[in-house]
PDB file of all heavy atoms in Angstrom:
ATOM      1  N   ARG A   1       0.812  -1.217   0.000  1.00  0.00           N
ATOM      2  CA  ARG A   1       0.000   0.000   0.000  1.00  0.00           C
ATOM      3  C   ARG A   1       0.848   1.272   0.000  1.00  0.00           C
ATOM      4  O   ARG A   1       0.376   2.325  -0.413  1.00  0.00           O
ATOM      5  CB  ARG A   1      -0.925   0.016   1.224  1.00  0.00           C
ATOM      6  CG  ARG A   1      -1.926  -1.116   1.241  1.00  0.00           C
ATOM      7  CD  ARG A   1      -2.862  -0.978   2.425  1.00  0.00           C
ATOM      8  NE  ARG A   1      -3.806  -2.079   2.518  1.00  0.00           N
ATOM      9  CZ  ARG A   1      -5.097  -1.947   2.788  1.00  0.00           C
ATOM     10  NH1 ARG A   1      -5.602  -0.743   2.991  1.00  0.00           N
ATOM     11  NH2 ARG A   1      -5.889  -2.994   2.869  1.00  0.00           N
ATOM     12  N   ILE A   2       2.068   1.179   0.478  1.00  0.00           N
ATOM     13  CA  ILE A   2       2.956   2.345   0.553  1.00  0.00           C
ATOM     14  C   ILE A   2       4.203   2.032  -0.262  1.00  0.00           C
ATOM     15  O   ILE A   2       5.054   1.249   0.165  1.00  0.00           O
ATOM     16  CB  ILE A   2       3.316   2.672   2.002  1.00  0.00           C
ATOM     17  CG1 ILE A   2       2.041   2.927   2.821  1.00  0.00           C
ATOM     18  CG2 ILE A   2       4.239   3.900   2.061  1.00  0.00           C
ATOM     19  CD1 ILE A   2       2.286   3.147   4.302  1.00  0.00           C
ATOM     20  N   LYS A   3       4.308   2.636  -1.421  1.00  0.00           N
ATOM     21  CA  LYS A   3       5.431   2.370  -2.323  1.00  0.00           C
ATOM     22  C   LYS A   3       6.295   3.614  -2.488  1.00  0.00           C
ATOM     23  O   LYS A   3       5.787   4.732  -2.551  1.00  0.00           O
ATOM     24  CB  LYS A   3       4.927   1.910  -3.701  1.00  0.00           C
ATOM     25  CG  LYS A   3       4.286   0.533  -3.734  1.00  0.00           C
ATOM     26  CD  LYS A   3       3.955   0.141  -5.177  1.00  0.00           C
ATOM     27  CE  LYS A   3       3.496  -1.306  -5.266  1.00  0.00           C
ATOM     28  NZ  LYS A   3       2.171  -1.507  -4.684  1.00  0.00           N
ATOM     29  N   ILE A   4       7.593   3.387  -2.568  1.00  0.00           N
ATOM     30  CA  ILE A   4       8.566   4.426  -2.882  1.00  0.00           C
ATOM     31  C   ILE A   4       9.263   4.017  -4.174  1.00  0.00           C
ATOM     32  O   ILE A   4       9.817   2.928  -4.262  1.00  0.00           O
ATOM     33  CB  ILE A   4       9.611   4.604  -1.754  1.00  0.00           C
ATOM     34  CG1 ILE A   4       8.913   4.921  -0.419  1.00  0.00           C
ATOM     35  CG2 ILE A   4      10.606   5.699  -2.126  1.00  0.00           C
ATOM     36  CD1 ILE A   4       8.167   6.243  -0.394  1.00  0.00           C
ATOM     37  N   ASN A   5       9.183   4.903  -5.167  1.00  0.00           N
ATOM     38  CA  ASN A   5       9.772   4.610  -6.485  1.00  0.00           C
ATOM     39  C   ASN A   5       9.340   3.248  -7.027  1.00  0.00           C
ATOM     40  O   ASN A   5      10.129   2.475  -7.558  1.00  0.00           O
ATOM     41  CB  ASN A   5      11.299   4.692  -6.426  1.00  0.00           C
ATOM     42  CG  ASN A   5      11.783   6.128  -6.264  1.00  0.00           C
ATOM     43  OD1 ASN A   5      11.113   7.067  -6.697  1.00  0.00           O
ATOM     44  ND2 ASN A   5      12.927   6.301  -5.643  1.00  0.00           N
ATOM     45  N   GLY A   6       8.056   2.969  -6.873  1.00  0.00           N
ATOM     46  CA  GLY A   6       7.478   1.756  -7.440  1.00  0.00           C
ATOM     47  C   GLY A   6       7.688   0.493  -6.642  1.00  0.00           C
ATOM     48  O   GLY A   6       7.177  -0.564  -7.020  1.00  0.00           O
ATOM     49  N   GLN A   7       8.403   0.569  -5.517  1.00  0.00           N
ATOM     50  CA  GLN A   7       8.691  -0.614  -4.701  1.00  0.00           C
ATOM     51  C   GLN A   7       7.988  -0.518  -3.355  1.00  0.00           C
ATOM     52  O   GLN A   7       8.005   0.538  -2.713  1.00  0.00           O
ATOM     53  CB  GLN A   7      10.202  -0.756  -4.477  1.00  0.00           C
ATOM     54  CG  GLN A   7      11.001  -0.949  -5.755  1.00  0.00           C
ATOM     55  CD  GLN A   7      10.656  -2.225  -6.486  1.00  0.00           C
ATOM     56  OE1 GLN A   7      10.515  -3.286  -5.859  1.00  0.00           O
ATOM     57  NE2 GLN A   7      10.503  -2.140  -7.802  1.00  0.00           N
ATOM     58  N   SER A   8       7.409  -1.638  -2.929  1.00  0.00           N
ATOM     59  CA  SER A   8       6.795  -1.665  -1.602  1.00  0.00           C
ATOM     60  C   SER A   8       7.839  -1.312  -0.555  1.00  0.00           C
ATOM     61  O   SER A   8       8.995  -1.723  -0.650  1.00  0.00           O
ATOM     62  CB  SER A   8       6.238  -3.059  -1.303  1.00  0.00           C
ATOM     63  OG  SER A   8       5.269  -3.422  -2.262  1.00  0.00           O
ATOM     64  N   ILE A   9       7.428  -0.552   0.446  1.00  0.00           N
ATOM     65  CA  ILE A   9       8.360  -0.165   1.499  1.00  0.00           C
ATOM     66  C   ILE A   9       8.894  -1.421   2.188  1.00  0.00           C
ATOM     67  O   ILE A   9       8.180  -2.419   2.334  1.00  0.00           O
ATOM     68  CB  ILE A   9       7.673   0.783   2.510  1.00  0.00           C
ATOM     69  CG1 ILE A   9       8.702   1.368   3.477  1.00  0.00           C
ATOM     70  CG2 ILE A   9       6.542   0.105   3.224  1.00  0.00           C
ATOM     71  CD1 ILE A   9       8.160   2.500   4.316  1.00  0.00           C
ATOM     72  N   SER A  10      10.148  -1.390   2.584  1.00  0.00           N
ATOM     73  CA  SER A  10      10.781  -2.578   3.163  1.00  0.00           C
ATOM     74  C   SER A  10      10.187  -2.910   4.531  1.00  0.00           C
ATOM     75  O   SER A  10       9.574  -2.064   5.187  1.00  0.00           O
ATOM     76  CB  SER A  10      12.290  -2.343   3.314  1.00  0.00           C
ATOM     77  OG  SER A  10      12.536  -1.340   4.295  1.00  0.00           O
ATOM     78  N   GLU A  11      10.391  -4.150   4.959  1.00  0.00           N
ATOM     79  CA  GLU A  11       9.907  -4.572   6.270  1.00  0.00           C
ATOM     80  C   GLU A  11      10.521  -3.727   7.379  1.00  0.00           C
ATOM     81  O   GLU A  11       9.834  -3.343   8.335  1.00  0.00           O
ATOM     82  CB  GLU A  11      10.224  -6.050   6.494  1.00  0.00           C
ATOM     83  CG  GLU A  11       9.431  -6.995   5.630  1.00  0.00           C
ATOM     84  CD  GLU A  11       9.683  -8.451   5.962  1.00  0.00           C
ATOM     85  OE1 GLU A  11      10.419  -8.707   6.945  1.00  0.00           O
ATOM     86  OE2 GLU A  11       9.157  -9.335   5.266  1.00  0.00           O
ATOM     87  N   SER A  12      11.807  -3.428   7.251  1.00  0.00           N
ATOM     88  CA  SER A  12      12.483  -2.677   8.317  1.00  0.00           C
ATOM     89  C   SER A  12      11.958  -1.246   8.410  1.00  0.00           C
ATOM     90  O   SER A  12      11.711  -0.746   9.514  1.00  0.00           O
ATOM     91  CB  SER A  12      13.992  -2.673   8.082  1.00  0.00           C
ATOM     92  OG  SER A  12      14.311  -2.084   6.829  1.00  0.00           O
ATOM     93  N   LEU A  13      11.783  -0.577   7.265  1.00  0.00           N
ATOM     94  CA  LEU A  13      11.262   0.790   7.297  1.00  0.00           C
ATOM     95  C   LEU A  13       9.815   0.814   7.744  1.00  0.00           C
ATOM     96  O   LEU A  13       9.403   1.704   8.502  1.00  0.00           O
ATOM     97  CB  LEU A  13      11.390   1.446   5.917  1.00  0.00           C
ATOM     98  CG  LEU A  13      12.740   2.058   5.565  1.00  0.00           C
ATOM     99  CD1 LEU A  13      12.714   2.665   4.173  1.00  0.00           C
ATOM    100  CD2 LEU A  13      13.152   3.122   6.592  1.00  0.00           C
ATOM    101  N   PHE A  14       9.021  -0.144   7.292  1.00  0.00           N
ATOM    102  CA  PHE A  14       7.623  -0.208   7.714  1.00  0.00           C
ATOM    103  C   PHE A  14       7.542  -0.363   9.227  1.00  0.00           C
ATOM    104  O   PHE A  14       6.781   0.337   9.912  1.00  0.00           O
ATOM    105  CB  PHE A  14       6.912  -1.375   7.025  1.00  0.00           C
ATOM    106  CG  PHE A  14       5.441  -1.455   7.341  1.00  0.00           C
ATOM    107  CD1 PHE A  14       4.518  -0.759   6.582  1.00  0.00           C
ATOM    108  CD2 PHE A  14       4.987  -2.224   8.406  1.00  0.00           C
ATOM    109  CE1 PHE A  14       3.162  -0.827   6.874  1.00  0.00           C
ATOM    110  CE2 PHE A  14       3.636  -2.301   8.706  1.00  0.00           C
ATOM    111  CZ  PHE A  14       2.713  -1.603   7.932  1.00  0.00           C
ATOM    112  N   THR A  15       8.360  -1.263   9.764  1.00  0.00           N
ATOM    113  CA  THR A  15       8.368  -1.506  11.205  1.00  0.00           C
ATOM    114  C   THR A  15       8.821  -0.268  11.978  1.00  0.00           C
ATOM    115  O   THR A  15       8.203   0.123  12.982  1.00  0.00           O
ATOM    116  CB  THR A  15       9.297  -2.690  11.527  1.00  0.00           C
ATOM    117  OG1 THR A  15       8.828  -3.854  10.843  1.00  0.00           O
ATOM    118  CG2 THR A  15       9.354  -2.961  13.017  1.00  0.00           C
ATOM    119  N   GLU A  16       9.882   0.365  11.503  1.00  0.00           N
ATOM    120  CA  GLU A  16      10.420   1.546  12.187  1.00  0.00           C
ATOM    121  C   GLU A  16       9.391   2.677  12.245  1.00  0.00           C
ATOM    122  O   GLU A  16       9.132   3.237  13.319  1.00  0.00           O
ATOM    123  CB  GLU A  16      11.669   2.026  11.449  1.00  0.00           C
ATOM    124  CG  GLU A  16      12.271   3.304  12.028  1.00  0.00           C
ATOM    125  CD  GLU A  16      13.439   3.814  11.198  1.00  0.00           C
ATOM    126  OE1 GLU A  16      13.968   3.047  10.356  1.00  0.00           O
ATOM    127  OE2 GLU A  16      13.808   4.986  11.382  1.00  0.00           O
ATOM    128  N   TYR A  17       8.804   3.000  11.104  1.00  0.00           N
ATOM    129  CA  TYR A  17       7.850   4.107  11.067  1.00  0.00           C
ATOM    130  C   TYR A  17       6.536   3.736  11.757  1.00  0.00           C
ATOM    131  O   TYR A  17       5.895   4.595  12.381  1.00  0.00           O
ATOM    132  CB  TYR A  17       7.574   4.534   9.622  1.00  0.00           C
ATOM    133  CG  TYR A  17       8.672   5.398   9.043  1.00  0.00           C
ATOM    134  CD1 TYR A  17       9.454   4.948   7.976  1.00  0.00           C
ATOM    135  CD2 TYR A  17       8.929   6.669   9.560  1.00  0.00           C
ATOM    136  CE1 TYR A  17      10.463   5.740   7.442  1.00  0.00           C
ATOM    137  CE2 TYR A  17       9.933   7.467   9.031  1.00  0.00           C
ATOM    138  CZ  TYR A  17      10.695   6.995   7.972  1.00  0.00           C
ATOM    139  OH  TYR A  17      11.696   7.782   7.451  1.00  0.00           O
ATOM    140  N   PHE A  18       6.139   2.474  11.665  1.00  0.00           N
ATOM    141  CA  PHE A  18       4.912   2.047  12.332  1.00  0.00           C
ATOM    142  C   PHE A  18       4.978   2.332  13.827  1.00  0.00           C
ATOM    143  O   PHE A  18       4.071   2.927  14.409  1.00  0.00           O
ATOM    144  CB  PHE A  18       4.657   0.550  12.104  1.00  0.00           C
ATOM    145  CG  PHE A  18       3.457   0.030  12.855  1.00  0.00           C
ATOM    146  CD1 PHE A  18       2.210   0.008  12.250  1.00  0.00           C
ATOM    147  CD2 PHE A  18       3.570  -0.418  14.166  1.00  0.00           C
ATOM    148  CE1 PHE A  18       1.094  -0.445  12.939  1.00  0.00           C
ATOM    149  CE2 PHE A  18       2.465  -0.880  14.873  1.00  0.00           C
ATOM    150  CZ  PHE A  18       1.222  -0.896  14.252  1.00  0.00           C
ATOM    151  N   TRP A  19       6.086   1.897  14.454  1.00  0.00           N
ATOM    152  CA  TRP A  19       6.163   2.047  15.907  1.00  0.00           C
ATOM    153  C   TRP A  19       6.386   3.496  16.322  1.00  0.00           C
ATOM    154  O   TRP A  19       5.954   3.906  17.403  1.00  0.00           O
ATOM    155  CB  TRP A  19       7.244   1.122  16.477  1.00  0.00           C
ATOM    156  CG  TRP A  19       6.790  -0.295  16.444  1.00  0.00           C
ATOM    157  CD1 TRP A  19       7.231  -1.299  15.646  1.00  0.00           C
ATOM    158  CD2 TRP A  19       5.721  -0.858  17.225  1.00  0.00           C
ATOM    159  NE1 TRP A  19       6.529  -2.448  15.876  1.00  0.00           N
ATOM    160  CE2 TRP A  19       5.600  -2.219  16.838  1.00  0.00           C
ATOM    161  CE3 TRP A  19       4.873  -0.357  18.209  1.00  0.00           C
ATOM    162  CZ2 TRP A  19       4.657  -3.065  17.405  1.00  0.00           C
ATOM    163  CZ3 TRP A  19       3.930  -1.202  18.777  1.00  0.00           C
ATOM    164  CH2 TRP A  19       3.827  -2.538  18.382  1.00  0.00           C
ATOM    165  N   GLU A  20       6.998   4.285  15.477  1.00  0.00           N
ATOM    166  CA  GLU A  20       7.128   5.714  15.788  1.00  0.00           C
ATOM    167  C   GLU A  20       5.752   6.367  15.828  1.00  0.00           C
ATOM    168  O   GLU A  20       5.428   7.124  16.752  1.00  0.00           O
ATOM    169  CB  GLU A  20       8.010   6.401  14.747  1.00  0.00           C
ATOM    170  CG  GLU A  20       8.226   7.884  15.036  1.00  0.00           C
ATOM    171  CD  GLU A  20       9.130   8.579  14.029  1.00  0.00           C
ATOM    172  OE1 GLU A  20       9.821   7.865  13.257  1.00  0.00           O
ATOM    173  OE2 GLU A  20       9.118   9.820  14.004  1.00  0.00           O
ATOM    174  N   VAL A  21       4.925   6.066  14.831  1.00  0.00           N
ATOM    175  CA  VAL A  21       3.570   6.623  14.789  1.00  0.00           C
ATOM    176  C   VAL A  21       2.712   6.023  15.896  1.00  0.00           C
ATOM    177  O   VAL A  21       1.991   6.738  16.597  1.00  0.00           O
ATOM    178  CB  VAL A  21       2.940   6.363  13.401  1.00  0.00           C
ATOM    179  CG1 VAL A  21       1.448   6.711  13.408  1.00  0.00           C
ATOM    180  CG2 VAL A  21       3.651   7.170  12.321  1.00  0.00           C
ATOM    181  N   HIS A  22       2.793   4.716  16.076  1.00  0.00           N
ATOM    182  CA  HIS A  22       1.976   4.036  17.091  1.00  0.00           C
ATOM    183  C   HIS A  22       2.277   4.577  18.494  1.00  0.00           C
ATOM    184  O   HIS A  22       1.366   4.815  19.297  1.00  0.00           O
ATOM    185  CB  HIS A  22       2.246   2.527  17.025  1.00  0.00           C
ATOM    186  CG  HIS A  22       1.291   1.695  17.827  1.00  0.00           C
ATOM    187  ND1 HIS A  22       1.397   1.541  19.184  1.00  0.00           N
ATOM    188  CD2 HIS A  22       0.198   0.978  17.455  1.00  0.00           C
ATOM    189  CE1 HIS A  22       0.436   0.761  19.621  1.00  0.00           C
ATOM    190  NE2 HIS A  22      -0.311   0.405  18.583  1.00  0.00           N
ATOM    191  N   ARG A  23       3.565   4.746  18.779  1.00  0.00           N
ATOM    192  CA  ARG A  23       3.955   5.248  20.114  1.00  0.00           C
ATOM    193  C   ARG A  23       3.383   6.636  20.370  1.00  0.00           C
ATOM    194  O   ARG A  23       2.837   6.905  21.445  1.00  0.00           O
ATOM    195  CB  ARG A  23       5.480   5.274  20.212  1.00  0.00           C
ATOM    196  CG  ARG A  23       6.024   5.919  21.497  1.00  0.00           C
ATOM    197  CD  ARG A  23       7.534   5.802  21.565  1.00  0.00           C
ATOM    198  NE  ARG A  23       8.174   6.277  20.362  1.00  0.00           N
ATOM    199  CZ  ARG A  23       8.408   7.567  20.099  1.00  0.00           C
ATOM    200  NH1 ARG A  23       8.023   8.498  20.948  1.00  0.00           N
ATOM    201  NH2 ARG A  23       9.026   7.911  18.986  1.00  0.00           N
ATOM    202  N   LYS A  24       3.491   7.525  19.379  1.00  0.00           N
ATOM    203  CA  LYS A  24       2.983   8.891  19.563  1.00  0.00           C
ATOM    204  C   LYS A  24       1.476   8.911  19.751  1.00  0.00           C
ATOM    205  O   LYS A  24       0.949   9.657  20.586  1.00  0.00           O
ATOM    206  CB  LYS A  24       3.385   9.758  18.369  1.00  0.00           C
ATOM    207  CG  LYS A  24       4.874  10.080  18.329  1.00  0.00           C
ATOM    208  CD  LYS A  24       5.227  10.952  17.129  1.00  0.00           C
ATOM    209  CE  LYS A  24       6.706  11.303  17.129  1.00  0.00           C
ATOM    210  NZ  LYS A  24       7.090  12.135  15.964  1.00  0.00           N
ATOM    211  N   LEU A  25       0.776   8.099  19.000  1.00  0.00           N
ATOM    212  CA  LEU A  25      -0.678   8.052  19.126  1.00  0.00           C
ATOM    213  C   LEU A  25      -1.094   7.400  20.440  1.00  0.00           C
ATOM    214  O   LEU A  25      -2.037   7.859  21.104  1.00  0.00           O
ATOM    215  CB  LEU A  25      -1.281   7.280  17.943  1.00  0.00           C
ATOM    216  CG  LEU A  25      -1.190   7.957  16.582  1.00  0.00           C
ATOM    217  CD1 LEU A  25      -1.653   7.017  15.480  1.00  0.00           C
ATOM    218  CD2 LEU A  25      -2.012   9.245  16.553  1.00  0.00           C
ATOM    219  N   GLU A  26      -0.376   6.377  20.824  1.00  0.00           N
ATOM    220  CA  GLU A  26      -0.698   5.676  22.069  1.00  0.00           C
ATOM    221  C   GLU A  26      -0.458   6.578  23.283  1.00  0.00           C
ATOM    222  O   GLU A  26      -1.246   6.585  24.233  1.00  0.00           O
ATOM    223  CB  GLU A  26       0.167   4.411  22.165  1.00  0.00           C
ATOM    224  CG  GLU A  26      -0.098   3.544  23.377  1.00  0.00           C
ATOM    225  CD  GLU A  26      -1.438   2.831  23.302  1.00  0.00           C
ATOM    226  OE1 GLU A  26      -1.892   2.500  22.197  1.00  0.00           O
ATOM    227  OE2 GLU A  26      -2.020   2.612  24.385  1.00  0.00           O
ATOM    228  N   ASN A  27       0.613   7.359  23.240  1.00  0.00           N
ATOM    229  CA  ASN A  27       0.971   8.212  24.380  1.00  0.00           C
ATOM    230  C   ASN A  27       0.118   9.457  24.503  1.00  0.00           C
ATOM    231  O   ASN A  27       0.185  10.154  25.520  1.00  0.00           O
ATOM    232  CB  ASN A  27       2.443   8.623  24.279  1.00  0.00           C
ATOM    233  CG  ASN A  27       3.380   7.455  24.509  1.00  0.00           C
ATOM    234  OD1 ASN A  27       2.986   6.419  25.052  1.00  0.00           O
ATOM    235  ND2 ASN A  27       4.636   7.603  24.095  1.00  0.00           N
ATOM    236  N   THR A  28      -0.672   9.760  23.474  1.00  0.00           N
ATOM    237  CA  THR A  28      -1.485  10.989  23.516  1.00  0.00           C
ATOM    238  C   THR A  28      -2.982  10.685  23.468  1.00  0.00           C
ATOM    239  O   THR A  28      -3.786  11.552  23.136  1.00  0.00           O
ATOM    240  CB  THR A  28      -1.118  11.910  22.335  1.00  0.00           C
ATOM    241  OG1 THR A  28      -1.250  11.180  21.101  1.00  0.00           O
ATOM    242  CG2 THR A  28       0.297  12.433  22.474  1.00  0.00           C
ATOM    243  N   LYS A  29      -3.348   9.457  23.810  1.00  0.00           N
ATOM    244  CA  LYS A  29      -4.764   9.084  23.792  1.00  0.00           C
ATOM    245  C   LYS A  29      -5.555   9.887  24.814  1.00  0.00           C
ATOM    246  O   LYS A  29      -5.109  10.092  25.939  1.00  0.00           O
ATOM    247  CB  LYS A  29      -4.930   7.588  24.092  1.00  0.00           C
ATOM    248  CG  LYS A  29      -4.500   6.673  22.976  1.00  0.00           C
ATOM    249  CD  LYS A  29      -5.035   5.254  23.149  1.00  0.00           C
ATOM    250  CE  LYS A  29      -4.628   4.636  24.468  1.00  0.00           C
ATOM    251  NZ  LYS A  29      -5.049   3.227  24.557  1.00  0.00           N
ATOM    252  N   GLU A  30      -6.740  10.313  24.400  1.00  0.00           N
ATOM    253  CA  GLU A  30      -7.627  11.024  25.314  1.00  0.00           C
ATOM    254  C   GLU A  30      -8.517  10.047  26.083  1.00  0.00           C
ATOM    255  O   GLU A  30      -9.057  10.380  27.132  1.00  0.00           O
ATOM    256  CB  GLU A  30      -8.491  12.019  24.533  1.00  0.00           C
ATOM    257  CG  GLU A  30      -7.669  13.127  23.860  1.00  0.00           C
ATOM    258  CD  GLU A  30      -8.524  14.024  22.984  1.00  0.00           C
ATOM    259  OE1 GLU A  30      -9.764  13.801  22.944  1.00  0.00           O
ATOM    260  OE2 GLU A  30      -7.977  14.931  22.339  1.00  0.00           O
ATOM    261  N   HIS A  31      -8.703   8.865  25.529  1.00  0.00           N
ATOM    262  CA  HIS A  31      -9.461   7.803  26.191  1.00  0.00           C
ATOM    263  C   HIS A  31      -8.988   6.469  25.631  1.00  0.00           C
ATOM    264  O   HIS A  31      -8.219   6.432  24.659  1.00  0.00           O
ATOM    265  CB  HIS A  31     -10.980   7.984  26.010  1.00  0.00           C
ATOM    266  CG  HIS A  31     -11.395   8.233  24.597  1.00  0.00           C
ATOM    267  ND1 HIS A  31     -11.579   7.228  23.682  1.00  0.00           N
ATOM    268  CD2 HIS A  31     -11.650   9.406  23.937  1.00  0.00           C
ATOM    269  CE1 HIS A  31     -11.936   7.746  22.526  1.00  0.00           C
ATOM    270  NE2 HIS A  31     -11.978   9.064  22.637  1.00  0.00           N
ATOM    271  N   GLU A  32      -9.446   5.374  26.186  1.00  0.00           N
ATOM    272  CA  GLU A  32      -8.902   4.053  25.875  1.00  0.00           C
ATOM    273  C   GLU A  32      -9.015   3.679  24.403  1.00  0.00           C
ATOM    274  O   GLU A  32      -8.107   3.063  23.833  1.00  0.00           O
ATOM    275  CB  GLU A  32      -9.612   2.983  26.729  1.00  0.00           C
ATOM    276  CG  GLU A  32      -9.040   1.580  26.580  1.00  0.00           C
ATOM    277  CD  GLU A  32      -7.556   1.503  26.939  1.00  0.00           C
ATOM    278  OE1 GLU A  32      -7.118   2.264  27.833  1.00  0.00           O
ATOM    279  OE2 GLU A  32      -6.835   0.703  26.317  1.00  0.00           O
ATOM    280  N   SER A  33     -10.116   4.054  23.756  1.00  0.00           N
ATOM    281  CA  SER A  33     -10.323   3.657  22.360  1.00  0.00           C
ATOM    282  C   SER A  33      -9.920   4.743  21.364  1.00  0.00           C
ATOM    283  O   SER A  33     -10.297   4.688  20.202  1.00  0.00           O
ATOM    284  CB  SER A  33     -11.803   3.291  22.141  1.00  0.00           C
ATOM    285  OG  SER A  33     -12.640   4.406  22.435  1.00  0.00           O
ATOM    286  N   ASP A  34      -9.145   5.709  21.833  1.00  0.00           N
ATOM    287  CA  ASP A  34      -8.775   6.842  20.988  1.00  0.00           C
ATOM    288  C   ASP A  34      -7.556   6.515  20.121  1.00  0.00           C
ATOM    289  O   ASP A  34      -6.485   7.109  20.262  1.00  0.00           O
ATOM    290  CB  ASP A  34      -8.484   8.065  21.874  1.00  0.00           C
ATOM    291  CG  ASP A  34      -8.271   9.328  21.059  1.00  0.00           C
ATOM    292  OD1 ASP A  34      -8.724   9.361  19.902  1.00  0.00           O
ATOM    293  OD2 ASP A  34      -7.655  10.270  21.587  1.00  0.00           O
ATOM    294  N   MET A  35      -7.755   5.534  19.216  1.00  0.00           N
ATOM    295  CA  MET A  35      -6.730   5.168  18.239  1.00  0.00           C
ATOM    296  C   MET A  35      -7.401   5.053  16.875  1.00  0.00           C
ATOM    297  O   MET A  35      -8.563   4.646  16.789  1.00  0.00           O
ATOM    298  CB  MET A  35      -6.077   3.831  18.605  1.00  0.00           C
ATOM    299  CG  MET A  35      -5.119   3.910  19.773  1.00  0.00           C
ATOM    300  SD  MET A  35      -3.540   4.738  19.362  1.00  0.00           S
ATOM    301  CE  MET A  35      -2.693   3.451  18.450  1.00  0.00           C
ATOM    302  N   PRO A  36      -6.686   5.422  15.817  1.00  0.00           N
ATOM    303  CA  PRO A  36      -7.296   5.323  14.485  1.00  0.00           C
ATOM    304  C   PRO A  36      -7.493   3.878  14.077  1.00  0.00           C
ATOM    305  O   PRO A  36      -6.722   3.001  14.463  1.00  0.00           O
ATOM    306  CB  PRO A  36      -6.280   6.018  13.577  1.00  0.00           C
ATOM    307  CG  PRO A  36      -4.975   5.884  14.297  1.00  0.00           C
ATOM    308  CD  PRO A  36      -5.307   5.949  15.755  1.00  0.00           C
ATOM    309  N   MET A  37      -8.528   3.634  13.275  1.00  0.00           N
ATOM    310  CA  MET A  37      -8.733   2.305  12.740  1.00  0.00           C
ATOM    311  C   MET A  37      -7.655   2.010  11.687  1.00  0.00           C
ATOM    312  O   MET A  37      -6.837   2.854  11.341  1.00  0.00           O
ATOM    313  CB  MET A  37     -10.121   2.185  12.122  1.00  0.00           C
ATOM    314  CG  MET A  37     -10.315   3.077  10.923  1.00  0.00           C
ATOM    315  SD  MET A  37     -11.690   2.573   9.928  1.00  0.00           S
ATOM    316  CE  MET A  37     -11.207   3.315   8.356  1.00  0.00           C
ATOM    317  N   TYR A  38      -7.703   0.789  11.184  1.00  0.00           N
ATOM    318  CA  TYR A  38      -6.696   0.246  10.266  1.00  0.00           C
ATOM    319  C   TYR A  38      -6.353   1.206   9.126  1.00  0.00           C
ATOM    320  O   TYR A  38      -5.201   1.593   8.950  1.00  0.00           O
ATOM    321  CB  TYR A  38      -7.246  -1.071   9.717  1.00  0.00           C
ATOM    322  CG  TYR A  38      -6.325  -1.872   8.830  1.00  0.00           C
ATOM    323  CD1 TYR A  38      -5.560  -2.907   9.351  1.00  0.00           C
ATOM    324  CD2 TYR A  38      -6.270  -1.638   7.456  1.00  0.00           C
ATOM    325  CE1 TYR A  38      -4.748  -3.679   8.536  1.00  0.00           C
ATOM    326  CE2 TYR A  38      -5.467  -2.405   6.633  1.00  0.00           C
ATOM    327  CZ  TYR A  38      -4.706  -3.422   7.174  1.00  0.00           C
ATOM    328  OH  TYR A  38      -3.904  -4.181   6.361  1.00  0.00           O
ATOM    329  N   PHE A  39      -7.356   1.606   8.314  1.00  0.00           N
ATOM    330  CA  PHE A  39      -7.075   2.427   7.137  1.00  0.00           C
ATOM    331  C   PHE A  39      -6.615   3.831   7.532  1.00  0.00           C
ATOM    332  O   PHE A  39      -5.699   4.389   6.913  1.00  0.00           O
ATOM    333  CB  PHE A  39      -8.306   2.508   6.238  1.00  0.00           C
ATOM    334  CG  PHE A  39      -8.064   3.250   4.951  1.00  0.00           C
ATOM    335  CD1 PHE A  39      -7.374   2.653   3.915  1.00  0.00           C
ATOM    336  CD2 PHE A  39      -8.503   4.554   4.789  1.00  0.00           C
ATOM    337  CE1 PHE A  39      -7.128   3.338   2.717  1.00  0.00           C
ATOM    338  CE2 PHE A  39      -8.266   5.249   3.603  1.00  0.00           C
ATOM    339  CZ  PHE A  39      -7.581   4.632   2.568  1.00  0.00           C
ATOM    340  N   LYS A  40      -7.213   4.395   8.565  1.00  0.00           N
ATOM    341  CA  LYS A  40      -6.788   5.729   9.008  1.00  0.00           C
ATOM    342  C   LYS A  40      -5.352   5.688   9.514  1.00  0.00           C
ATOM    343  O   LYS A  40      -4.571   6.605   9.253  1.00  0.00           O
ATOM    344  CB  LYS A  40      -7.712   6.256  10.104  1.00  0.00           C
ATOM    345  CG  LYS A  40      -9.013   6.846   9.593  1.00  0.00           C
ATOM    346  CD  LYS A  40      -9.830   7.446  10.709  1.00  0.00           C
ATOM    347  CE  LYS A  40     -11.140   8.002  10.190  1.00  0.00           C
ATOM    348  NZ  LYS A  40     -12.003   8.528  11.273  1.00  0.00           N
ATOM    349  N   PHE A  41      -5.019   4.629  10.246  1.00  0.00           N
ATOM    350  CA  PHE A  41      -3.644   4.516  10.744  1.00  0.00           C
ATOM    351  C   PHE A  41      -2.671   4.452   9.577  1.00  0.00           C
ATOM    352  O   PHE A  41      -1.644   5.135   9.569  1.00  0.00           O
ATOM    353  CB  PHE A  41      -3.494   3.278  11.626  1.00  0.00           C
ATOM    354  CG  PHE A  41      -2.150   3.176  12.299  1.00  0.00           C
ATOM    355  CD1 PHE A  41      -1.982   3.594  13.611  1.00  0.00           C
ATOM    356  CD2 PHE A  41      -1.040   2.687  11.613  1.00  0.00           C
ATOM    357  CE1 PHE A  41      -0.740   3.525  14.230  1.00  0.00           C
ATOM    358  CE2 PHE A  41       0.203   2.614  12.213  1.00  0.00           C
ATOM    359  CZ  PHE A  41       0.352   3.040  13.534  1.00  0.00           C
ATOM    360  N   LEU A  42      -2.982   3.626   8.577  1.00  0.00           N
ATOM    361  CA  LEU A  42      -2.098   3.509   7.417  1.00  0.00           C
ATOM    362  C   LEU A  42      -1.990   4.828   6.659  1.00  0.00           C
ATOM    363  O   LEU A  42      -0.934   5.153   6.108  1.00  0.00           O
ATOM    364  CB  LEU A  42      -2.595   2.406   6.485  1.00  0.00           C
ATOM    365  CG  LEU A  42      -2.397   0.968   6.995  1.00  0.00           C
ATOM    366  CD1 LEU A  42      -3.072  -0.024   6.051  1.00  0.00           C
ATOM    367  CD2 LEU A  42      -0.919   0.637   7.152  1.00  0.00           C
ATOM    368  N   THR A  43      -3.070   5.598   6.636  1.00  0.00           N
ATOM    369  CA  THR A  43      -3.039   6.904   5.965  1.00  0.00           C
ATOM    370  C   THR A  43      -2.110   7.863   6.704  1.00  0.00           C
ATOM    371  O   THR A  43      -1.306   8.569   6.081  1.00  0.00           O
ATOM    372  CB  THR A  43      -4.457   7.492   5.861  1.00  0.00           C
ATOM    373  OG1 THR A  43      -5.294   6.578   5.135  1.00  0.00           O
ATOM    374  CG2 THR A  43      -4.446   8.831   5.137  1.00  0.00           C
ATOM    375  N   VAL A  44      -2.206   7.892   8.028  1.00  0.00           N
ATOM    376  CA  VAL A  44      -1.287   8.713   8.826  1.00  0.00           C
ATOM    377  C   VAL A  44       0.149   8.257   8.592  1.00  0.00           C
ATOM    378  O   VAL A  44       1.060   9.073   8.402  1.00  0.00           O
ATOM    379  CB  VAL A  44      -1.643   8.630  10.327  1.00  0.00           C
ATOM    380  CG1 VAL A  44      -0.585   9.328  11.175  1.00  0.00           C
ATOM    381  CG2 VAL A  44      -3.013   9.239  10.587  1.00  0.00           C
TER     382      VAL A  44
END
């Protein structure tokens, strides 16, 4: 779903950026379910 120069992003980069975004969203939750769903998360 996320390609750079026609190639799917690597496992290592996907993992690195995923946890950077996940950590920031998790640490700033206003309530327990305050996390984006699957597609919204991937869009962010």
